[in-house]
Amino acid sequence: MVVLKRKKDVYTVPAGKTLEQALRNLGILPETVLAVREGKLVPLWHRLQEGEELQLLDVISGG
């Protein structure tokens, strides 16, 4: 399993899917978050691997 953390929420998703697929399955729009692992951005096309833990940071925009 893969762990995705967003604020106080913790999600577990199966390995093997892309990050984008996992986010969409959770009902999270991929455009609204950035995934980070060990201080580095993880692209949406990244295939999730067993045991990974990613932090999801909300994207904030404004004018």
C-alpha atoms as a PDB file:
ATOM      1  CA  MET A   1       0.000   0.000   0.000  1.00  0.00           C
ATOM      2  CA  VAL A   2       0.920   3.637  -0.507  1.00  0.00           C
ATOM      3  CA  VAL A   3       0.206   6.361   2.044  1.00  0.00           C
ATOM      4  CA  LEU A   4      -0.892   9.827   0.936  1.00  0.00           C
ATOM      5  CA  LYS A   5      -1.094  12.525   3.620  1.00  0.00           C
ATOM      6  CA  ARG A   6      -3.028  15.763   3.157  1.00  0.00           C
ATOM      7  CA  LYS A   7      -3.315  18.075   6.149  1.00  0.00           C
ATOM      8  CA  LYS A   8      -4.854  15.818   8.822  1.00  0.00           C
ATOM      9  CA  ASP A   9      -6.214  13.295   6.308  1.00  0.00           C
ATOM     10  CA  VAL A  10      -4.366  10.057   5.627  1.00  0.00           C
ATOM     11  CA  TYR A  11      -5.263   7.914   2.616  1.00  0.00           C
ATOM     12  CA  THR A  12      -4.004   4.470   1.693  1.00  0.00           C
ATOM     13  CA  VAL A  13      -4.083   3.442  -1.939  1.00  0.00           C
ATOM     14  CA  PRO A  14      -2.815   0.369  -3.770  1.00  0.00           C
ATOM     15  CA  ALA A  15       0.593   0.463  -5.423  1.00  0.00           C
ATOM     16  CA  GLY A  16       0.858   0.212  -9.203  1.00  0.00           C
ATOM     17  CA  LYS A  17      -1.396   3.089 -10.216  1.00  0.00           C
ATOM     18  CA  THR A  18      -0.145   6.482 -11.273  1.00  0.00           C
ATOM     19  CA  LEU A  19      -0.381   9.315  -8.790  1.00  0.00           C
ATOM     20  CA  GLU A  20      -3.022  10.956 -10.990  1.00  0.00           C
ATOM     21  CA  GLN A  21      -5.167   7.796 -11.024  1.00  0.00           C
ATOM     22  CA  ALA A  22      -4.920   7.454  -7.249  1.00  0.00           C
ATOM     23  CA  LEU A  23      -5.884  11.089  -6.676  1.00  0.00           C
ATOM     24  CA  ARG A  24      -8.883  10.861  -9.000  1.00  0.00           C
ATOM     25  CA  ASN A  25     -10.034   7.634  -7.297  1.00  0.00           C
ATOM     26  CA  LEU A  26      -9.968   9.526  -3.990  1.00  0.00           C
ATOM     27  CA  GLY A  27     -12.017  12.372  -5.472  1.00  0.00           C
ATOM     28  CA  ILE A  28      -9.080  14.801  -5.371  1.00  0.00           C
ATOM     29  CA  LEU A  29      -8.543  16.931  -8.472  1.00  0.00           C
ATOM     30  CA  PRO A  30      -4.867  16.502  -9.415  1.00  0.00           C
ATOM     31  CA  GLU A  31      -4.619  20.192 -10.323  1.00  0.00           C
ATOM     32  CA  THR A  32      -5.361  21.198  -6.719  1.00  0.00           C
ATOM     33  CA  VAL A  33      -2.392  19.490  -5.008  1.00  0.00           C
ATOM     34  CA  LEU A  34       1.352  19.004  -5.296  1.00  0.00           C
ATOM     35  CA  ALA A  35       2.809  15.691  -4.167  1.00  0.00           C
ATOM     36  CA  VAL A  36       6.130  15.747  -2.331  1.00  0.00           C
ATOM     37  CA  ARG A  37       8.455  12.925  -1.263  1.00  0.00           C
ATOM     38  CA  GLU A  38      11.628  13.654   0.702  1.00  0.00           C
ATOM     39  CA  GLY A  39      11.442  17.336  -0.265  1.00  0.00           C
ATOM     40  CA  LYS A  40      11.100  16.699  -4.011  1.00  0.00           C
ATOM     41  CA  LEU A  41       8.042  17.100  -6.223  1.00  0.00           C
ATOM     42  CA  VAL A  42       6.488  13.911  -7.551  1.00  0.00           C
ATOM     43  CA  PRO A  43       4.948  14.159 -11.066  1.00  0.00           C
ATOM     44  CA  LEU A  44       1.393  13.008 -11.729  1.00  0.00           C
ATOM     45  CA  TRP A  45       2.648  10.296 -14.109  1.00  0.00           C
ATOM     46  CA  HIS A  46       4.721   8.676 -11.324  1.00  0.00           C
ATOM     47  CA  ARG A  47       3.718   5.041 -10.759  1.00  0.00           C
ATOM     48  CA  LEU A  48       3.180   4.507  -7.044  1.00  0.00           C
ATOM     49  CA  GLN A  49       5.388   1.888  -5.417  1.00  0.00           C
ATOM     50  CA  GLU A  50       4.724  -0.324  -2.418  1.00  0.00           C
ATOM     51  CA  GLY A  51       5.631   1.361   0.867  1.00  0.00           C
ATOM     52  CA  GLU A  52       5.818   4.921  -0.501  1.00  0.00           C
ATOM     53  CA  GLU A  53       4.600   7.838   1.579  1.00  0.00           C
ATOM     54  CA  LEU A  54       3.748  11.128  -0.134  1.00  0.00           C
ATOM     55  CA  GLN A  55       2.705  14.448   1.318  1.00  0.00           C
ATOM     56  CA  LEU A  56      -0.046  16.298  -0.592  1.00  0.00           C
ATOM     57  CA  LEU A  57       0.186  20.085  -0.444  1.00  0.00           C
ATOM     58  CA  ASP A  58      -2.733  22.251  -1.505  1.00  0.00           C
ATOM     59  CA  VAL A  59      -2.094  24.594  -4.403  1.00  0.00           C
ATOM     60  CA  ILE A  60      -3.126  28.138  -3.554  1.00  0.00           C
ATOM     61  CA  SER A  61      -3.688  30.796  -6.190  1.00  0.00           C
ATOM     62  CA  GLY A  62      -5.041  34.284  -6.087  1.00  0.00           C
ATOM     63  CA  GLY A  63      -4.781  37.673  -7.538  1.00  0.00           C
END
